[in-house]
Amino acid sequence: MFVINYFFVALANLVNLLIVAYIWIIIARAILSWVSPDPYNPVVRFLHRVTEPVLRAVRERLPAHQLGFDFSPMIVILVLYFLKEFLVPVLYRIATEIG
């Protein structure tokens, strides 16, 4: 079934692309947090709107947030990197096993 094989390859490529794009969005958000950007800028608002739900969920579970340093972007990037290195090869392997 080459159709299912191509489906899983395309799914693996899409997951890889989404994970890498989200990592870069989090990096951009972290860099912007070092400066004082205009909060009404559409790019700043987009970055905040896309990343804040994930970062807030991690931030609420970290006791280190009380120290004044936000480790949540680094933790989210590490989790995303783990998913990229684990999930994408698994999808490729499923594609080769089916095909």
PDB file of N, CA and C in Angstrom:
ATOM      1  N   MET A   1       0.838  -1.191   0.000  1.00  0.00           N
ATOM      2  CA  MET A   1       0.000   0.000   0.000  1.00  0.00           C
ATOM      3  C   MET A   1       0.878   1.248   0.000  1.00  0.00           C
ATOM      4  N   PHE A   2       1.251   1.678  -1.176  1.00  0.00           N
ATOM      5  CA  PHE A   2       2.124   2.842  -1.278  1.00  0.00           C
ATOM      6  C   PHE A   2       1.429   4.122  -0.846  1.00  0.00           C
ATOM      7  N   VAL A   3       0.095   4.169  -0.896  1.00  0.00           N
ATOM      8  CA  VAL A   3      -0.632   5.374  -0.499  1.00  0.00           C
ATOM      9  C   VAL A   3      -0.469   5.612   1.002  1.00  0.00           C
ATOM     10  N   ILE A   4      -0.587   4.564   1.793  1.00  0.00           N
ATOM     11  CA  ILE A   4      -0.429   4.689   3.240  1.00  0.00           C
ATOM     12  C   ILE A   4       1.027   5.029   3.575  1.00  0.00           C
ATOM     13  N   ASN A   5       1.945   4.433   2.807  1.00  0.00           N
ATOM     14  CA  ASN A   5       3.357   4.743   2.993  1.00  0.00           C
ATOM     15  C   ASN A   5       3.609   6.232   2.774  1.00  0.00           C
ATOM     16  N   TYR A   6       3.121   6.784   1.681  1.00  0.00           N
ATOM     17  CA  TYR A   6       3.291   8.208   1.401  1.00  0.00           C
ATOM     18  C   TYR A   6       2.566   9.080   2.427  1.00  0.00           C
ATOM     19  N   PHE A   7       1.438   8.592   2.916  1.00  0.00           N
ATOM     20  CA  PHE A   7       0.716   9.344   3.946  1.00  0.00           C
ATOM     21  C   PHE A   7       1.563   9.509   5.199  1.00  0.00           C
ATOM     22  N   PHE A   8       2.189   8.433   5.665  1.00  0.00           N
ATOM     23  CA  PHE A   8       2.995   8.508   6.876  1.00  0.00           C
ATOM     24  C   PHE A   8       4.279   9.306   6.663  1.00  0.00           C
ATOM     25  N   VAL A   9       4.853   9.232   5.473  1.00  0.00           N
ATOM     26  CA  VAL A   9       6.022  10.056   5.174  1.00  0.00           C
ATOM     27  C   VAL A   9       5.632  11.532   5.192  1.00  0.00           C
ATOM     28  N   ALA A  10       4.502  11.861   4.568  1.00  0.00           N
ATOM     29  CA  ALA A  10       4.035  13.249   4.562  1.00  0.00           C
ATOM     30  C   ALA A  10       3.693  13.717   5.979  1.00  0.00           C
ATOM     31  N   LEU A  11       3.080  12.851   6.765  1.00  0.00           N
ATOM     32  CA  LEU A  11       2.754  13.192   8.148  1.00  0.00           C
ATOM     33  C   LEU A  11       4.031  13.435   8.961  1.00  0.00           C
ATOM     34  N   ALA A  12       5.041  12.597   8.774  1.00  0.00           N
ATOM     35  CA  ALA A  12       6.314  12.781   9.475  1.00  0.00           C
ATOM     36  C   ALA A  12       6.959  14.105   9.077  1.00  0.00           C
ATOM     37  N   ASN A  13       6.933  14.435   7.789  1.00  0.00           N
ATOM     38  CA  ASN A  13       7.506  15.698   7.331  1.00  0.00           C
ATOM     39  C   ASN A  13       6.739  16.889   7.896  1.00  0.00           C
ATOM     40  N   LEU A  14       5.422  16.782   7.944  1.00  0.00           N
ATOM     41  CA  LEU A  14       4.603  17.865   8.483  1.00  0.00           C
ATOM     42  C   LEU A  14       4.845  18.062   9.974  1.00  0.00           C
ATOM     43  N   VAL A  15       4.906  16.985  10.723  1.00  0.00           N
ATOM     44  CA  VAL A  15       5.169  17.077  12.166  1.00  0.00           C
ATOM     45  C   VAL A  15       6.544  17.688  12.402  1.00  0.00           C
ATOM     46  N   ASN A  16       7.525  17.264  11.621  1.00  0.00           N
ATOM     47  CA  ASN A  16       8.870  17.819  11.742  1.00  0.00           C
ATOM     48  C   ASN A  16       8.866  19.319  11.461  1.00  0.00           C
ATOM     49  N   LEU A  17       8.194  19.738  10.406  1.00  0.00           N
ATOM     50  CA  LEU A  17       8.122  21.156  10.053  1.00  0.00           C
ATOM     51  C   LEU A  17       7.433  21.976  11.143  1.00  0.00           C
ATOM     52  N   LEU A  18       6.330  21.463  11.674  1.00  0.00           N
ATOM     53  CA  LEU A  18       5.605  22.187  12.718  1.00  0.00           C
ATOM     54  C   LEU A  18       6.422  22.319  13.998  1.00  0.00           C
ATOM     55  N   ILE A  19       7.122  21.272  14.361  1.00  0.00           N
ATOM     56  CA  ILE A  19       7.936  21.324  15.574  1.00  0.00           C
ATOM     57  C   ILE A  19       9.082  22.322  15.415  1.00  0.00           C
ATOM     58  N   VAL A  20       9.760  22.280  14.276  1.00  0.00           N
ATOM     59  CA  VAL A  20      10.872  23.208  14.042  1.00  0.00           C
ATOM     60  C   VAL A  20      10.362  24.647  13.991  1.00  0.00           C
ATOM     61  N   ALA A  21       9.236  24.880  13.346  1.00  0.00           N
ATOM     62  CA  ALA A  21       8.675  26.233  13.274  1.00  0.00           C
ATOM     63  C   ALA A  21       8.299  26.741  14.660  1.00  0.00           C
ATOM     64  N   TYR A  22       7.704  25.887  15.482  1.00  0.00           N
ATOM     65  CA  TYR A  22       7.317  26.313  16.829  1.00  0.00           C
ATOM     66  C   TYR A  22       8.536  26.582  17.710  1.00  0.00           C
ATOM     67  N   ILE A  23       9.601  25.814  17.516  1.00  0.00           N
ATOM     68  CA  ILE A  23      10.840  26.082  18.252  1.00  0.00           C
ATOM     69  C   ILE A  23      11.366  27.470  17.898  1.00  0.00           C
ATOM     70  N   TRP A  24      11.354  27.825  16.621  1.00  0.00           N
ATOM     71  CA  TRP A  24      11.831  29.148  16.206  1.00  0.00           C
ATOM     72  C   TRP A  24      10.916  30.254  16.707  1.00  0.00           C
ATOM     73  N   ILE A  25       9.630  29.989  16.780  1.00  0.00           N
ATOM     74  CA  ILE A  25       8.699  30.987  17.321  1.00  0.00           C
ATOM     75  C   ILE A  25       8.986  31.219  18.807  1.00  0.00           C
ATOM     76  N   ILE A  26       9.270  30.160  19.549  1.00  0.00           N
ATOM     77  CA  ILE A  26       9.598  30.308  20.969  1.00  0.00           C
ATOM     78  C   ILE A  26      10.926  31.047  21.135  1.00  0.00           C
ATOM     79  N   ILE A  27      11.893  30.768  20.284  1.00  0.00           N
ATOM     80  CA  ILE A  27      13.169  31.478  20.348  1.00  0.00           C
ATOM     81  C   ILE A  27      12.952  32.966  20.081  1.00  0.00           C
ATOM     82  N   ALA A  28      12.138  33.291  19.086  1.00  0.00           N
ATOM     83  CA  ALA A  28      11.846  34.696  18.785  1.00  0.00           C
ATOM     84  C   ALA A  28      11.156  35.362  19.965  1.00  0.00           C
ATOM     85  N   ARG A  29      10.243  34.656  20.594  1.00  0.00           N
ATOM     86  CA  ARG A  29       9.550  35.210  21.773  1.00  0.00           C
ATOM     87  C   ARG A  29      10.529  35.451  22.916  1.00  0.00           C
ATOM     88  N   ALA A  30      11.458  34.525  23.116  1.00  0.00           N
ATOM     89  CA  ALA A  30      12.438  34.686  24.193  1.00  0.00           C
ATOM     90  C   ALA A  30      13.363  35.863  23.913  1.00  0.00           C
ATOM     91  N   ILE A  31      13.789  36.022  22.681  1.00  0.00           N
ATOM     92  CA  ILE A  31      14.660  37.149  22.342  1.00  0.00           C
ATOM     93  C   ILE A  31      13.916  38.467  22.511  1.00  0.00           C
ATOM     94  N   LEU A  32      12.651  38.509  22.119  1.00  0.00           N
ATOM     95  CA  LEU A  32      11.869  39.726  22.292  1.00  0.00           C
ATOM     96  C   LEU A  32      11.646  40.068  23.758  1.00  0.00           C
ATOM     97  N   SER A  33      11.674  39.074  24.624  1.00  0.00           N
ATOM     98  CA  SER A  33      11.469  39.355  26.041  1.00  0.00           C
ATOM     99  C   SER A  33      12.672  40.080  26.652  1.00  0.00           C
ATOM    100  N   TRP A  34      13.819  40.065  25.987  1.00  0.00           N
ATOM    101  CA  TRP A  34      14.994  40.750  26.494  1.00  0.00           C
ATOM    102  C   TRP A  34      14.937  42.247  26.240  1.00  0.00           C
ATOM    103  N   VAL A  35      14.153  42.649  25.252  1.00  0.00           N
ATOM    104  CA  VAL A  35      13.999  44.069  24.939  1.00  0.00           C
ATOM    105  C   VAL A  35      12.592  44.499  25.333  1.00  0.00           C
ATOM    106  N   SER A  36      12.270  45.722  25.107  1.00  0.00           N
ATOM    107  CA  SER A  36      10.939  46.214  25.430  1.00  0.00           C
ATOM    108  C   SER A  36      10.179  46.477  24.128  1.00  0.00           C
ATOM    109  N   PRO A  37       9.576  45.427  23.548  1.00  0.00           N
ATOM    110  CA  PRO A  37       8.891  45.628  22.267  1.00  0.00           C
ATOM    111  C   PRO A  37       7.548  46.333  22.460  1.00  0.00           C
ATOM    112  N   ASP A  38       7.079  46.904  21.395  1.00  0.00           N
ATOM    113  CA  ASP A  38       5.768  47.543  21.401  1.00  0.00           C
ATOM    114  C   ASP A  38       4.702  46.453  21.542  1.00  0.00           C
ATOM    115  N   PRO A  39       3.903  46.454  22.606  1.00  0.00           N
ATOM    116  CA  PRO A  39       2.917  45.383  22.798  1.00  0.00           C
ATOM    117  C   PRO A  39       1.787  45.410  21.779  1.00  0.00           C
ATOM    118  N   TYR A  40       1.660  46.494  21.035  1.00  0.00           N
ATOM    119  CA  TYR A  40       0.605  46.582  20.029  1.00  0.00           C
ATOM    120  C   TYR A  40       1.088  46.205  18.632  1.00  0.00           C
ATOM    121  N   ASN A  41       2.365  45.867  18.515  1.00  0.00           N
ATOM    122  CA  ASN A  41       2.901  45.419  17.238  1.00  0.00           C
ATOM    123  C   ASN A  41       2.256  44.071  16.888  1.00  0.00           C
ATOM    124  N   PRO A  42       1.788  43.891  15.645  1.00  0.00           N
ATOM    125  CA  PRO A  42       1.118  42.631  15.285  1.00  0.00           C
ATOM    126  C   PRO A  42       2.016  41.403  15.418  1.00  0.00           C
ATOM    127  N   VAL A  43       3.297  41.550  15.142  1.00  0.00           N
ATOM    128  CA  VAL A  43       4.203  40.408  15.269  1.00  0.00           C
ATOM    129  C   VAL A  43       4.364  40.017  16.733  1.00  0.00           C
ATOM    130  N   VAL A  44       4.532  41.001  17.598  1.00  0.00           N
ATOM    131  CA  VAL A  44       4.661  40.728  19.028  1.00  0.00           C
ATOM    132  C   VAL A  44       3.384  40.098  19.562  1.00  0.00           C
ATOM    133  N   ARG A  45       2.255  40.608  19.145  1.00  0.00           N
ATOM    134  CA  ARG A  45       0.973  40.039  19.606  1.00  0.00           C
ATOM    135  C   ARG A  45       0.805  38.606  19.123  1.00  0.00           C
ATOM    136  N   PHE A  46       1.204  38.336  17.867  1.00  0.00           N
ATOM    137  CA  PHE A  46       1.113  36.969  17.343  1.00  0.00           C
ATOM    138  C   PHE A  46       2.004  36.025  18.140  1.00  0.00           C
ATOM    139  N   LEU A  47       3.254  36.421  18.369  1.00  0.00           N
ATOM    140  CA  LEU A  47       4.171  35.568  19.124  1.00  0.00           C
ATOM    141  C   LEU A  47       3.649  35.301  20.529  1.00  0.00           C
ATOM    142  N   HIS A  48       3.107  36.315  21.146  1.00  0.00           N
ATOM    143  CA  HIS A  48       2.568  36.141  22.492  1.00  0.00           C
ATOM    144  C   HIS A  48       1.349  35.224  22.483  1.00  0.00           C
ATOM    145  N   ARG A  49       0.458  35.435  21.539  1.00  0.00           N
ATOM    146  CA  ARG A  49      -0.773  34.646  21.472  1.00  0.00           C
ATOM    147  C   ARG A  49      -0.491  33.180  21.160  1.00  0.00           C
ATOM    148  N   VAL A  50       0.524  32.909  20.346  1.00  0.00           N
ATOM    149  CA  VAL A  50       0.819  31.534  19.950  1.00  0.00           C
ATOM    150  C   VAL A  50       1.596  30.775  21.030  1.00  0.00           C
ATOM    151  N   THR A  51       2.454  31.472  21.758  1.00  0.00           N
ATOM    152  CA  THR A  51       3.318  30.765  22.704  1.00  0.00           C
ATOM    153  C   THR A  51       2.846  30.810  24.153  1.00  0.00           C
ATOM    154  N   GLU A  52       2.078  31.806  24.515  1.00  0.00           N
ATOM    155  CA  GLU A  52       1.726  31.983  25.932  1.00  0.00           C
ATOM    156  C   GLU A  52       0.965  30.803  26.546  1.00  0.00           C
ATOM    157  N   PRO A  53       0.001  30.177  25.855  1.00  0.00           N
ATOM    158  CA  PRO A  53      -0.682  29.037  26.508  1.00  0.00           C
ATOM    159  C   PRO A  53       0.270  27.903  26.893  1.00  0.00           C
ATOM    160  N   VAL A  54       1.214  27.588  26.036  1.00  0.00           N
ATOM    161  CA  VAL A  54       2.153  26.505  26.333  1.00  0.00           C
ATOM    162  C   VAL A  54       3.140  26.935  27.418  1.00  0.00           C
ATOM    163  N   LEU A  55       3.677  28.143  27.272  1.00  0.00           N
ATOM    164  CA  LEU A  55       4.647  28.611  28.253  1.00  0.00           C
ATOM    165  C   LEU A  55       4.005  28.806  29.624  1.00  0.00           C
ATOM    166  N   ARG A  56       2.769  29.276  29.664  1.00  0.00           N
ATOM    167  CA  ARG A  56       2.088  29.461  30.944  1.00  0.00           C
ATOM    168  C   ARG A  56       1.873  28.135  31.640  1.00  0.00           C
ATOM    169  N   ALA A  57       1.508  27.096  30.881  1.00  0.00           N
ATOM    170  CA  ALA A  57       1.291  25.775  31.483  1.00  0.00           C
ATOM    171  C   ALA A  57       2.573  25.241  32.115  1.00  0.00           C
ATOM    172  N   VAL A  58       3.690  25.466  31.457  1.00  0.00           N
ATOM    173  CA  VAL A  58       4.977  25.022  32.013  1.00  0.00           C
ATOM    174  C   VAL A  58       5.367  25.908  33.192  1.00  0.00           C
ATOM    175  N   ARG A  59       5.166  27.200  33.051  1.00  0.00           N
ATOM    176  CA  ARG A  59       5.533  28.160  34.100  1.00  0.00           C
ATOM    177  C   ARG A  59       4.800  27.881  35.405  1.00  0.00           C
ATOM    178  N   GLU A  60       3.546  27.472  35.327  1.00  0.00           N
ATOM    179  CA  GLU A  60       2.767  27.191  36.535  1.00  0.00           C
ATOM    180  C   GLU A  60       3.277  25.973  37.279  1.00  0.00           C
ATOM    181  N   ARG A  61       3.945  25.072  36.586  1.00  0.00           N
ATOM    182  CA  ARG A  61       4.441  23.853  37.215  1.00  0.00           C
ATOM    183  C   ARG A  61       5.880  23.967  37.710  1.00  0.00           C
ATOM    184  N   LEU A  62       6.528  25.090  37.419  1.00  0.00           N
ATOM    185  CA  LEU A  62       7.921  25.261  37.818  1.00  0.00           C
ATOM    186  C   LEU A  62       8.039  26.056  39.117  1.00  0.00           C
ATOM    187  N   PRO A  63       8.755  25.515  40.099  1.00  0.00           N
ATOM    188  CA  PRO A  63       8.984  26.306  41.301  1.00  0.00           C
ATOM    189  C   PRO A  63      10.046  27.387  41.069  1.00  0.00           C
ATOM    190  N   ALA A  64      10.861  27.252  40.030  1.00  0.00           N
ATOM    191  CA  ALA A  64      11.942  28.206  39.768  1.00  0.00           C
ATOM    192  C   ALA A  64      11.415  29.553  39.288  1.00  0.00           C
ATOM    193  N   HIS A  65      10.150  29.618  38.907  1.00  0.00           N
ATOM    194  CA  HIS A  65       9.599  30.886  38.422  1.00  0.00           C
ATOM    195  C   HIS A  65       9.591  31.934  39.532  1.00  0.00           C
ATOM    196  N   GLN A  66       9.563  31.512  40.761  1.00  0.00           N
ATOM    197  CA  GLN A  66       9.564  32.440  41.885  1.00  0.00           C
ATOM    198  C   GLN A  66      10.932  33.112  42.061  1.00  0.00           C
ATOM    199  N   LEU A  67      11.975  32.555  41.449  1.00  0.00           N
ATOM    200  CA  LEU A  67      13.312  33.115  41.561  1.00  0.00           C
ATOM    201  C   LEU A  67      13.528  34.291  40.620  1.00  0.00           C
ATOM    202  N   GLY A  68      12.635  34.501  39.695  1.00  0.00           N
ATOM    203  CA  GLY A  68      12.749  35.635  38.796  1.00  0.00           C
ATOM    204  C   GLY A  68      13.309  35.299  37.426  1.00  0.00           C
ATOM    205  N   PHE A  69      13.684  34.056  37.183  1.00  0.00           N
ATOM    206  CA  PHE A  69      14.199  33.664  35.878  1.00  0.00           C
ATOM    207  C   PHE A  69      13.234  32.656  35.274  1.00  0.00           C
ATOM    208  N   ASP A  70      12.864  32.879  34.042  1.00  0.00           N
ATOM    209  CA  ASP A  70      11.860  32.042  33.384  1.00  0.00           C
ATOM    210  C   ASP A  70      12.548  30.961  32.554  1.00  0.00           C
ATOM    211  N   PHE A  71      12.467  29.723  33.027  1.00  0.00           N
ATOM    212  CA  PHE A  71      13.039  28.589  32.312  1.00  0.00           C
ATOM    213  C   PHE A  71      12.043  27.931  31.358  1.00  0.00           C
ATOM    214  N   SER A  72      10.814  28.400  31.308  1.00  0.00           N
ATOM    215  CA  SER A  72       9.788  27.723  30.519  1.00  0.00           C
ATOM    216  C   SER A  72      10.109  27.641  29.024  1.00  0.00           C
ATOM    217  N   PRO A  73      10.681  28.673  28.368  1.00  0.00           N
ATOM    218  CA  PRO A  73      11.013  28.491  26.947  1.00  0.00           C
ATOM    219  C   PRO A  73      12.037  27.380  26.725  1.00  0.00           C
ATOM    220  N   MET A  74      13.027  27.295  27.603  1.00  0.00           N
ATOM    221  CA  MET A  74      14.045  26.271  27.452  1.00  0.00           C
ATOM    222  C   MET A  74      13.446  24.876  27.643  1.00  0.00           C
ATOM    223  N   ILE A  75      12.564  24.730  28.599  1.00  0.00           N
ATOM    224  CA  ILE A  75      11.946  23.427  28.845  1.00  0.00           C
ATOM    225  C   ILE A  75      11.050  23.024  27.684  1.00  0.00           C
ATOM    226  N   VAL A  76      10.270  23.967  27.164  1.00  0.00           N
ATOM    227  CA  VAL A  76       9.401  23.662  26.024  1.00  0.00           C
ATOM    228  C   VAL A  76      10.233  23.290  24.804  1.00  0.00           C
ATOM    229  N   ILE A  77      11.332  23.993  24.576  1.00  0.00           N
ATOM    230  CA  ILE A  77      12.193  23.664  23.433  1.00  0.00           C
ATOM    231  C   ILE A  77      12.796  22.273  23.595  1.00  0.00           C
ATOM    232  N   LEU A  78      13.203  21.915  24.803  1.00  0.00           N
ATOM    233  CA  LEU A  78      13.748  20.572  25.033  1.00  0.00           C
ATOM    234  C   LEU A  78      12.699  19.486  24.803  1.00  0.00           C
ATOM    235  N   VAL A  79      11.480  19.733  25.239  1.00  0.00           N
ATOM    236  CA  VAL A  79      10.394  18.760  25.004  1.00  0.00           C
ATOM    237  C   VAL A  79      10.101  18.642  23.511  1.00  0.00           C
ATOM    238  N   LEU A  80      10.061  19.765  22.818  1.00  0.00           N
ATOM    239  CA  LEU A  80       9.815  19.732  21.378  1.00  0.00           C
ATOM    240  C   LEU A  80      10.954  19.024  20.642  1.00  0.00           C
ATOM    241  N   TYR A  81      12.177  19.253  21.071  1.00  0.00           N
ATOM    242  CA  TYR A  81      13.309  18.569  20.451  1.00  0.00           C
ATOM    243  C   TYR A  81      13.216  17.063  20.681  1.00  0.00           C
ATOM    244  N   PHE A  82      12.830  16.658  21.885  1.00  0.00           N
ATOM    245  CA  PHE A  82      12.642  15.232  22.153  1.00  0.00           C
ATOM    246  C   PHE A  82      11.569  14.650  21.243  1.00  0.00           C
ATOM    247  N   LEU A  83      10.444  15.357  21.098  1.00  0.00           N
ATOM    248  CA  LEU A  83       9.388  14.868  20.207  1.00  0.00           C
ATOM    249  C   LEU A  83       9.874  14.775  18.763  1.00  0.00           C
ATOM    250  N   LYS A  84      10.650  15.748  18.344  1.00  0.00           N
ATOM    251  CA  LYS A  84      11.181  15.733  16.984  1.00  0.00           C
ATOM    252  C   LYS A  84      12.101  14.536  16.768  1.00  0.00           C
ATOM    253  N   GLU A  85      12.937  14.253  17.754  1.00  0.00           N
ATOM    254  CA  GLU A  85      13.886  13.147  17.619  1.00  0.00           C
ATOM    255  C   GLU A  85      13.242  11.780  17.858  1.00  0.00           C
ATOM    256  N   PHE A  86      12.091  11.739  18.493  1.00  0.00           N
ATOM    257  CA  PHE A  86      11.426  10.461  18.761  1.00  0.00           C
ATOM    258  C   PHE A  86      10.261  10.212  17.809  1.00  0.00           C
ATOM    259  N   LEU A  87       9.356  11.168  17.720  1.00  0.00           N
ATOM    260  CA  LEU A  87       8.117  10.952  16.976  1.00  0.00           C
ATOM    261  C   LEU A  87       8.330  10.895  15.469  1.00  0.00           C
ATOM    262  N   VAL A  88       9.144  11.778  14.935  1.00  0.00           N
ATOM    263  CA  VAL A  88       9.357  11.807  13.485  1.00  0.00           C
ATOM    264  C   VAL A  88      10.001  10.511  12.987  1.00  0.00           C
ATOM    265  N   PRO A  89      11.069  10.001  13.615  1.00  0.00           N
ATOM    266  CA  PRO A  89      11.600   8.710  13.155  1.00  0.00           C
ATOM    267  C   PRO A  89      10.618   7.548  13.304  1.00  0.00           C
ATOM    268  N   VAL A  90       9.783   7.603  14.338  1.00  0.00           N
ATOM    269  CA  VAL A  90       8.772   6.547  14.492  1.00  0.00           C
ATOM    270  C   VAL A  90       7.795   6.583  13.327  1.00  0.00           C
ATOM    271  N   LEU A  91       7.377   7.766  12.915  1.00  0.00           N
ATOM    272  CA  LEU A  91       6.470   7.863  11.765  1.00  0.00           C
ATOM    273  C   LEU A  91       7.141   7.393  10.482  1.00  0.00           C
ATOM    274  N   TYR A  92       8.419   7.726  10.303  1.00  0.00           N
ATOM    275  CA  TYR A  92       9.145   7.213   9.137  1.00  0.00           C
ATOM    276  C   TYR A  92       9.254   5.692   9.183  1.00  0.00           C
ATOM    277  N   ARG A  93       9.473   5.168  10.362  1.00  0.00           N
ATOM    278  CA  ARG A  93       9.583   3.699  10.504  1.00  0.00           C
ATOM    279  C   ARG A  93       8.254   3.016  10.201  1.00  0.00           C
ATOM    280  N   ILE A  94       7.163   3.614  10.659  1.00  0.00           N
ATOM    281  CA  ILE A  94       5.839   3.074  10.328  1.00  0.00           C
ATOM    282  C   ILE A  94       5.638   3.074   8.818  1.00  0.00           C
ATOM    283  N   ALA A  95       6.082   4.145   8.167  1.00  0.00           N
ATOM    284  CA  ALA A  95       5.937   4.224   6.714  1.00  0.00           C
ATOM    285  C   ALA A  95       6.741   3.130   6.012  1.00  0.00           C
ATOM    286  N   THR A  96       7.931   2.829   6.503  1.00  0.00           N
ATOM    287  CA  THR A  96       8.736   1.792   5.851  1.00  0.00           C
ATOM    288  C   THR A  96       8.222   0.397   6.166  1.00  0.00           C
ATOM    289  N   GLU A  97       7.636   0.205   7.346  1.00  0.00           N
ATOM    290  CA  GLU A  97       7.096  -1.105   7.704  1.00  0.00           C
ATOM    291  C   GLU A  97       5.841  -1.435   6.898  1.00  0.00           C
ATOM    292  N   ILE A  98       5.038  -0.423   6.621  1.00  0.00           N
ATOM    293  CA  ILE A  98       3.802  -0.641   5.869  1.00  0.00           C
ATOM    294  C   ILE A  98       4.117  -0.861   4.393  1.00  0.00           C
ATOM    295  N   GLY A  99       5.047  -0.076   3.896  1.00  0.00           N
ATOM    296  CA  GLY A  99       5.361  -0.103   2.459  1.00  0.00           C
ATOM    297  C   GLY A  99       6.152  -1.249   2.067  1.00  0.00           C
TER     298      GLY A  99
END
